[in-house]
Amino acid sequence: MRVSEILKSSLATLKMNGRRTFLTLIGIVIGIAAVITILSLGKGFEKQTLDSLAKDEKGRRSQSFYYNMTGSDTDPGTLQPFSEDNLEHIRSFPGVDEVQLDGQDVTEQYMQISFRKTQEYMNVSLKEETNFNLVVGRNLNSSDSKAKKPYVIIEEMAASMFFASPQEAYHKAINLDGQDYTIVGVYQMPMDQEQDNIMGWMADPIQLAIPKATYERFSQQSTFNFSIKVFYQDDADMKGTNKRIAEYLKENGKAKDSGSYEYYDRTEEMAEISKQLTMITLFITSIAGISLFIAGVGVMNMMYISVSERTKEIGIRRSVGATRLSIQWQFLLEGIVITTFGGIIGYVLGFIIAKIAGNFLPFKPAYDLLTAFVTVVISVFIGIAAGYLPARQAAHKNLIEILR
């Protein structure tokens, strides 16, 4: 019997038992729609997050390269770490769209924090004044900065590293890069920084804050963060070009003898964030995928019922020459047809639900052809897995027992 005839027979049987077929189909549709909706929204959220972190208002990826002074005999006010020749050469690198010279006031600085025998490098904020939620003490104010007072406020978890408790840290002296500062307040980490730190999106939260003018008073290095920002075209090899630019600046930078050129590769950071977001999406999707397993059990149950109800039909077909293989294929195709149609309908429904949900969310869902292909493959696989055993049972029924 030809496959086309077997398929026609399978479709006719499914149509004849329309109500049962429809109810079985619903389970597949709901399962696939749930998976597609979550995947589309998850990919959309991932894309929105990465774009907001890695791209500018024009949608371009960028990388900053920094210059750090190592000598104290150079006047920072006259120093120009990036010459026009340097900038022009960097613009000529393949994939580079634009290069901007950036010289902004430093707002954060890594400093060595020492107390007795404990030493740690922490991220210190340089502030004119602060407005943190305090555990004990007070915030920094503008008069502290104007008077260049050696005062510091410290985050409570950081305080616990050096002292028995946050309260114990109050009014104690702590050393920052060789200079003693008095702790005038202990504060709680802001909620947004705490959430980002838990998610792994910010490895170095602000842990201390000192008056900006005080830092300028005691620091021997420039209060300016000399840097350039390189913007890349969409198809650029950002990671490889970053390395080539860093090597070029190390060998040809205008101020290479007075300091060093450095950069933090954001492609690795973005890859890690993308990995974490993908894992979260897949975890939630796997929960929704449980419904697919339940739907598969429903298909198998329907096929077993169909086999038991059509015992007489199987016997008649076998007696007129139908082979076991053709009977097995008929029942197997019935399961595949149900799950495939359910998968296609479920994908379309999931697409529509995600699109509607995107109108109420700050990001748009993302779709791709690979997801559609995988959806159909999964649907066919469910049909094969759920229909194989019932089809095999139908094909191996004893003809004599059937006709008896």
Protein backbone atom coordinates (compact mmCIF):
# COMPACT_ATOMS: atom_id res chain seq x y z
CA MET A 1 0.00 0.00 0.00
CA ARG A 2 1.40 3.38 -0.97
CA VAL A 3 2.27 5.98 1.67
CA SER A 4 -0.13 8.51 0.11
CA GLU A 5 -3.02 6.05 0.48
CA ILE A 6 -2.01 5.26 4.07
CA LEU A 7 -1.94 9.00 4.83
CA LYS A 8 -5.39 9.51 3.28
CA SER A 9 -6.73 6.63 5.35
CA SER A 10 -5.19 8.09 8.51
CA LEU A 11 -6.71 11.53 7.84
CA ALA A 12 -10.11 10.00 7.15
CA THR A 13 -10.00 8.09 10.43
CA LEU A 14 -9.00 11.20 12.39
CA LYS A 15 -11.80 13.18 10.76
CA MET A 16 -14.30 10.45 11.57
CA ASN A 17 -13.32 10.69 15.27
CA GLY A 18 -13.22 14.48 15.16
CA ARG A 19 -14.12 15.24 18.78
CA ARG A 20 -11.49 12.89 20.19
CA THR A 21 -8.89 14.18 17.72
CA PHE A 22 -9.66 17.80 18.63
CA LEU A 23 -9.36 17.23 22.38
CA THR A 24 -6.05 15.40 21.90
CA LEU A 25 -4.84 18.19 19.61
CA ILE A 26 -5.57 20.84 22.25
CA GLY A 27 -2.92 19.42 24.59
CA ILE A 28 -0.21 19.66 21.92
CA VAL A 29 -1.31 23.17 20.91
CA ILE A 30 -1.21 24.48 24.49
CA GLY A 31 2.18 22.89 25.20
CA ILE A 32 3.85 24.22 22.03
CA ALA A 33 2.22 27.66 22.40
CA ALA A 34 3.50 27.96 25.98
CA VAL A 35 7.06 27.02 24.96
CA ILE A 36 7.09 29.38 21.96
CA THR A 37 5.67 32.28 23.97
CA ILE A 38 8.28 31.92 26.72
CA LEU A 39 11.16 31.43 24.27
CA SER A 40 10.14 34.46 22.18
CA LEU A 41 9.74 36.73 25.19
CA GLY A 42 12.94 35.39 26.75
CA LYS A 43 14.95 36.03 23.60
CA GLY A 44 13.40 39.48 23.28
CA PHE A 45 14.33 40.33 26.87
CA GLU A 46 17.86 39.03 26.31
CA LYS A 47 18.28 41.12 23.17
CA GLN A 48 16.89 44.24 24.86
CA THR A 49 19.19 43.78 27.87
CA LEU A 50 22.34 43.23 25.80
CA ASP A 51 21.51 46.12 23.47
CA SER A 52 20.97 48.51 26.39
CA LEU A 53 24.29 47.45 27.95
CA ALA A 54 26.44 47.21 24.84
CA LYS A 55 25.04 49.66 22.28
CA ASP A 56 24.61 53.43 22.01
CA GLU A 57 21.57 55.33 20.81
CA LYS A 58 22.53 54.51 17.21
CA GLY A 59 22.58 50.78 17.96
CA ARG A 60 26.36 50.50 17.72
CA ARG A 61 28.57 48.32 19.93
CA SER A 62 31.42 50.13 21.63
CA GLN A 63 34.59 49.53 23.63
CA SER A 64 36.50 51.99 25.83
CA PHE A 65 40.30 52.03 26.07
CA TYR A 66 41.82 53.68 29.15
CA TYR A 67 45.14 55.31 29.90
CA ASN A 68 46.52 55.00 33.44
CA MET A 69 49.44 57.16 34.57
CA THR A 70 52.27 55.38 36.40
CA GLY A 71 54.68 58.31 36.77
CA SER A 72 54.25 61.26 39.15
CA ASP A 73 56.61 63.65 37.35
CA THR A 74 54.19 64.36 34.50
CA ASP A 75 51.67 67.22 34.64
CA PRO A 76 48.26 65.60 34.01
CA GLY A 77 46.87 68.87 32.72
CA THR A 78 49.25 68.86 29.75
CA LEU A 79 49.19 65.13 29.09
CA GLN A 80 47.52 63.88 25.88
CA PRO A 81 47.74 60.07 25.85
CA PHE A 82 46.04 59.72 22.44
CA SER A 83 47.54 61.66 19.54
CA GLU A 84 45.71 62.44 16.32
CA ASP A 85 47.90 59.87 14.58
CA ASN A 86 46.81 57.26 17.14
CA LEU A 87 43.15 58.07 16.60
CA GLU A 88 43.46 58.11 12.82
CA HIS A 89 45.24 54.75 12.80
CA ILE A 90 42.56 53.19 15.02
CA ARG A 91 39.85 54.53 12.68
CA SER A 92 41.51 52.57 9.85
CA PHE A 93 41.02 49.19 11.59
CA PRO A 94 38.46 46.95 9.80
CA GLY A 95 35.02 47.18 11.38
CA VAL A 96 35.66 50.44 13.26
CA ASP A 97 32.88 52.95 12.66
CA GLU A 98 33.95 55.90 14.82
CA VAL A 99 36.49 56.85 17.50
CA GLN A 100 35.72 59.46 20.16
CA LEU A 101 38.21 61.02 22.54
CA ASP A 102 36.83 61.05 26.06
CA GLY A 103 38.23 62.80 29.13
CA GLN A 104 35.79 62.80 31.98
CA ASP A 105 36.12 63.27 35.72
CA VAL A 106 36.81 60.11 37.62
CA THR A 107 33.81 59.04 39.69
CA GLU A 108 35.14 55.69 40.90
CA GLN A 109 38.56 54.34 41.78
CA TYR A 110 39.97 51.01 42.88
CA MET A 111 41.92 51.50 46.09
CA GLN A 112 43.74 49.27 48.55
CA ILE A 113 41.83 49.14 51.84
CA SER A 114 43.89 48.21 54.90
CA PHE A 115 43.00 47.66 58.54
CA ARG A 116 45.48 45.94 60.82
CA LYS A 117 46.51 42.79 58.90
CA THR A 118 43.53 42.74 56.53
CA GLN A 119 43.97 44.16 53.02
CA GLU A 120 41.45 44.25 50.18
CA TYR A 121 41.06 46.09 46.88
CA MET A 122 37.63 47.69 46.68
CA ASN A 123 35.67 50.06 44.44
CA VAL A 124 35.56 53.54 46.01
CA SER A 125 33.13 56.23 44.88
CA LEU A 126 34.37 59.84 44.72
CA LYS A 127 31.45 62.05 45.77
CA GLU A 128 30.72 65.66 46.60
CA GLU A 129 27.97 64.34 48.86
CA THR A 130 26.04 61.11 49.42
CA ASN A 131 22.47 60.12 50.20
CA PHE A 132 22.60 56.45 51.23
CA ASN A 133 20.38 54.59 53.68
CA LEU A 134 22.49 54.57 56.83
CA VAL A 135 22.99 51.85 59.39
CA VAL A 136 24.98 54.13 61.68
CA GLY A 137 26.57 57.59 61.45
CA ARG A 138 25.97 60.15 58.70
CA ASN A 139 26.34 60.73 54.96
CA LEU A 140 29.11 62.78 53.36
CA ASN A 141 28.19 66.41 52.64
CA SER A 142 29.56 69.17 50.43
CA SER A 143 31.44 70.79 53.30
CA ASP A 144 33.47 67.61 53.76
CA SER A 145 34.63 67.88 50.16
CA LYS A 146 35.30 71.62 50.34
CA ALA A 147 37.38 71.16 53.47
CA LYS A 148 39.06 68.08 51.97
CA LYS A 149 38.34 66.09 55.15
CA PRO A 150 39.71 62.54 55.31
CA TYR A 151 36.27 61.03 55.90
CA VAL A 152 34.85 57.83 54.47
CA ILE A 153 31.53 55.98 54.58
CA ILE A 154 31.54 52.24 54.09
CA GLU A 155 28.95 49.68 52.99
CA GLU A 156 27.85 47.40 55.84
CA MET A 157 29.02 44.12 54.25
CA ALA A 158 32.44 45.64 53.57
CA ALA A 159 32.55 46.94 57.14
CA SER A 160 31.93 43.42 58.41
CA MET A 161 35.08 42.27 56.62
CA PHE A 162 37.26 44.53 58.77
CA PHE A 163 35.26 44.91 62.00
CA ALA A 164 33.16 42.76 64.28
CA SER A 165 29.98 44.63 63.23
CA PRO A 166 28.95 47.72 61.26
CA GLN A 167 28.42 49.59 64.53
CA GLU A 168 31.96 48.68 65.59
CA ALA A 169 33.33 50.37 62.45
CA TYR A 170 31.84 53.77 63.34
CA HIS A 171 34.52 56.41 64.08
CA LYS A 172 37.35 53.96 63.43
CA ALA A 173 40.30 54.80 61.15
CA ILE A 174 40.90 52.78 57.97
CA ASN A 175 43.72 53.15 55.46
CA LEU A 176 43.01 53.83 51.75
CA ASP A 177 46.06 53.73 49.47
CA GLY A 178 48.37 54.67 52.34
CA GLN A 179 46.21 57.47 53.77
CA ASP A 180 44.14 57.16 56.95
CA TYR A 181 40.42 58.00 56.73
CA THR A 182 37.88 58.20 59.55
CA ILE A 183 34.67 56.20 59.09
CA VAL A 184 31.78 58.64 59.67
CA GLY A 185 28.99 56.38 58.45
CA VAL A 186 28.00 52.83 57.52
CA TYR A 187 25.34 52.44 54.82
CA GLN A 188 23.21 49.78 53.17
CA MET A 189 23.94 48.80 49.57
CA PRO A 190 21.35 50.43 47.23
CA MET A 191 18.67 47.97 46.10
CA ASP A 192 19.54 48.20 42.39
CA GLN A 193 23.22 47.44 43.03
CA GLU A 194 22.29 44.56 45.33
CA GLN A 195 20.03 42.97 42.69
CA ASP A 196 22.64 43.41 39.95
CA ASN A 197 25.31 41.89 42.16
CA ILE A 198 23.12 38.85 42.93
CA MET A 199 22.46 38.31 39.20
CA GLY A 200 26.18 38.62 38.46
CA TRP A 201 25.69 41.68 36.23
CA MET A 202 27.95 43.89 38.31
CA ALA A 203 31.00 42.19 39.78
CA ASP A 204 32.33 45.30 41.60
CA PRO A 205 29.65 47.32 43.40
CA ILE A 206 30.52 50.55 45.20
CA GLN A 207 31.75 49.59 48.68
CA LEU A 208 33.10 52.88 50.03
CA ALA A 209 32.70 56.60 49.33
CA ILE A 210 35.04 59.49 50.09
CA PRO A 211 34.92 63.23 49.33
CA LYS A 212 36.16 63.89 45.81
CA ALA A 213 38.35 66.85 46.79
CA THR A 214 39.96 64.73 49.51
CA TYR A 215 40.93 62.17 46.90
CA GLU A 216 42.45 64.93 44.75
CA ARG A 217 44.37 66.18 47.78
CA PHE A 218 46.03 62.89 48.62
CA SER A 219 46.18 61.12 45.26
CA GLN A 220 49.33 61.45 43.20
CA GLN A 221 47.64 60.56 39.94
CA SER A 222 45.38 62.54 37.67
CA THR A 223 41.74 63.03 38.54
CA PHE A 224 40.94 62.64 34.87
CA ASN A 225 40.14 59.35 33.28
CA PHE A 226 41.84 59.56 29.89
CA SER A 227 40.04 57.26 27.48
CA ILE A 228 38.74 56.79 23.98
CA LYS A 229 35.57 55.06 22.92
CA VAL A 230 35.65 52.95 19.76
CA PHE A 231 32.33 52.27 18.00
CA TYR A 232 32.01 49.20 15.79
CA GLN A 233 30.01 48.29 12.73
CA ASP A 234 27.43 45.50 13.03
CA ASP A 235 29.54 42.85 11.27
CA ALA A 236 32.82 43.73 12.99
CA ASP A 237 34.98 41.19 14.85
CA MET A 238 34.85 43.21 18.05
CA LYS A 239 36.88 40.83 20.22
CA GLY A 240 39.71 40.45 17.70
CA THR A 241 39.84 44.17 16.89
CA ASN A 242 39.96 45.03 20.61
CA LYS A 243 43.14 42.98 20.96
CA ARG A 244 44.76 44.58 17.90
CA ILE A 245 43.96 48.11 19.11
CA ALA A 246 45.35 47.33 22.59
CA GLU A 247 48.58 45.96 21.07
CA TYR A 248 48.89 49.02 18.81
CA LEU A 249 48.48 51.46 21.73
CA LYS A 250 50.95 49.51 23.86
CA GLU A 251 53.61 49.85 21.16
CA ASN A 252 52.70 53.21 19.58
CA GLY A 253 50.63 55.17 22.13
CA LYS A 254 51.82 58.76 22.51
CA ALA A 255 52.24 58.50 26.31
CA LYS A 256 53.35 54.86 26.53
CA ASP A 257 56.46 55.82 28.55
CA SER A 258 54.42 57.57 31.28
CA GLY A 259 51.70 54.98 31.79
CA SER A 260 49.82 52.02 30.37
CA TYR A 261 46.90 51.51 27.99
CA GLU A 262 44.25 49.10 29.18
CA TYR A 263 40.74 47.96 28.35
CA TYR A 264 38.12 45.68 29.82
CA ASP A 265 36.80 43.32 27.16
CA ARG A 266 33.02 43.82 27.23
CA THR A 267 32.43 40.98 24.78
CA GLU A 268 33.23 38.48 27.53
CA GLU A 269 30.94 40.29 29.94
CA MET A 270 28.13 40.36 27.37
CA ALA A 271 28.66 36.67 26.59
CA GLU A 272 28.38 35.79 30.27
CA ILE A 273 25.24 37.89 30.74
CA SER A 274 23.73 36.32 27.60
CA LYS A 275 24.57 32.86 28.95
CA GLN A 276 22.84 33.57 32.26
CA LEU A 277 19.74 35.01 30.59
CA THR A 278 19.57 32.03 28.23
CA MET A 279 19.82 29.61 31.15
CA ILE A 280 16.95 31.38 32.93
CA THR A 281 14.81 31.27 29.76
CA LEU A 282 15.56 27.60 29.16
CA PHE A 283 14.77 26.75 32.79
CA ILE A 284 11.36 28.41 32.58
CA THR A 285 10.79 26.83 29.16
CA SER A 286 11.58 23.38 30.51
CA ILE A 287 8.87 23.86 33.13
CA ALA A 288 6.39 24.81 30.41
CA GLY A 289 7.64 21.81 28.40
CA ILE A 290 6.19 19.47 31.00
CA SER A 291 2.83 20.12 29.33
CA LEU A 292 4.27 18.62 26.13
CA PHE A 293 5.06 15.41 27.98
CA ILE A 294 1.51 15.30 29.33
CA ALA A 295 0.16 15.96 25.82
CA GLY A 296 2.29 13.10 24.48
CA VAL A 297 0.78 10.75 27.05
CA GLY A 298 -2.65 11.92 25.87
CA VAL A 299 -1.78 11.08 22.26
CA MET A 300 -0.54 7.64 23.27
CA ASN A 301 -3.71 7.01 25.27
CA MET A 302 -5.86 8.01 22.29
CA MET A 303 -3.90 5.70 20.00
CA TYR A 304 -4.30 2.72 22.34
CA ILE A 305 -8.06 3.36 22.51
CA SER A 306 -8.16 3.64 18.72
CA VAL A 307 -6.33 0.32 18.34
CA SER A 308 -8.72 -1.48 20.72
CA GLU A 309 -11.79 -0.03 18.99
CA ARG A 310 -10.59 -0.91 15.49
CA THR A 311 -9.60 -4.52 16.09
CA LYS A 312 -12.19 -5.73 13.58
CA GLU A 313 -10.96 -3.25 10.95
CA ILE A 314 -7.38 -4.47 11.46
CA GLY A 315 -8.49 -8.09 10.98
CA ILE A 316 -10.39 -7.34 7.78
CA ARG A 317 -7.46 -5.40 6.30
CA ARG A 318 -5.02 -8.16 7.20
CA SER A 319 -7.29 -10.80 5.64
CA VAL A 320 -7.43 -8.96 2.31
CA GLY A 321 -3.65 -8.66 2.08
CA ALA A 322 -2.60 -5.63 4.11
CA THR A 323 0.90 -6.10 5.56
CA ARG A 324 1.88 -5.55 9.15
CA LEU A 325 4.11 -2.68 8.06
CA SER A 326 1.24 -0.82 6.32
CA ILE A 327 -1.00 -1.18 9.38
CA GLN A 328 1.80 -0.01 11.65
CA TRP A 329 2.43 2.98 9.40
CA GLN A 330 -1.25 3.94 9.39
CA PHE A 331 -1.49 4.17 13.16
CA LEU A 332 1.93 5.82 13.42
CA LEU A 333 0.97 8.44 10.84
CA GLU A 334 -2.19 9.24 12.77
CA GLY A 335 -0.10 10.16 15.81
CA ILE A 336 2.38 12.15 13.69
CA VAL A 337 -0.42 14.05 11.88
CA ILE A 338 -2.06 15.05 15.19
CA THR A 339 1.17 16.29 16.79
CA THR A 340 2.45 18.01 13.63
CA PHE A 341 -0.76 19.96 13.12
CA GLY A 342 -0.81 20.71 16.83
CA GLY A 343 2.79 21.94 16.66
CA ILE A 344 2.10 24.27 13.73
CA ILE A 345 -1.06 25.67 15.31
CA GLY A 346 0.74 25.98 18.66
CA TYR A 347 3.64 27.88 17.07
CA VAL A 348 1.27 30.36 15.40
CA LEU A 349 -0.71 30.76 18.63
CA GLY A 350 2.48 31.25 20.65
CA PHE A 351 3.64 33.83 18.10
CA ILE A 352 0.36 35.74 18.45
CA ILE A 353 0.37 35.59 22.26
CA ALA A 354 4.00 36.80 22.43
CA LYS A 355 3.26 39.64 20.01
CA ILE A 356 0.25 40.76 22.06
CA ALA A 357 2.27 40.50 25.31
CA GLY A 358 5.04 42.59 23.73
CA ASN A 359 2.63 45.54 23.47
CA PHE A 360 2.47 45.64 27.28
CA LEU A 361 6.17 45.03 27.97
CA PRO A 362 9.22 47.35 27.62
CA PHE A 363 10.73 44.99 25.03
CA LYS A 364 9.61 43.18 21.89
CA PRO A 365 9.61 39.40 21.46
CA ALA A 366 12.23 37.88 19.15
CA TYR A 367 11.45 35.17 16.60
CA ASP A 368 13.62 33.04 14.38
CA LEU A 369 13.20 30.29 11.78
CA LEU A 370 15.26 27.88 13.85
CA THR A 371 12.63 27.95 16.59
CA ALA A 372 9.88 27.19 14.06
CA PHE A 373 11.90 24.29 12.63
CA VAL A 374 12.65 22.88 16.09
CA THR A 375 8.95 23.18 16.97
CA VAL A 376 7.92 21.02 14.01
CA VAL A 377 10.68 18.49 14.73
CA ILE A 378 9.64 18.22 18.38
CA SER A 379 6.01 17.77 17.32
CA VAL A 380 6.91 14.98 14.89
CA PHE A 381 9.11 13.33 17.52
CA ILE A 382 6.25 13.40 20.06
CA GLY A 383 3.98 11.80 17.46
CA ILE A 384 6.51 9.04 16.76
CA ALA A 385 7.22 8.44 20.46
CA ALA A 386 3.54 8.40 21.40
CA GLY A 387 2.33 6.41 18.39
CA TYR A 388 5.03 3.78 18.00
CA LEU A 389 3.94 1.32 20.71
CA PRO A 390 0.20 1.47 19.86
CA ALA A 391 1.03 1.12 16.15
CA ARG A 392 3.30 -1.83 16.82
CA GLN A 393 0.60 -3.48 18.95
CA ALA A 394 -1.93 -3.02 16.12
CA ALA A 395 0.44 -4.48 13.53
CA HIS A 396 1.27 -7.57 15.60
CA LYS A 397 -2.26 -8.61 16.57
CA ASN A 398 -2.89 -12.29 15.86
CA LEU A 399 -5.07 -12.54 12.74
CA ILE A 400 -6.75 -15.79 13.83
CA GLU A 401 -7.69 -14.37 17.24
CA ILE A 402 -9.05 -11.22 15.59
CA LEU A 403 -11.32 -13.15 13.17
CA ARG A 404 -12.40 -15.76 15.70
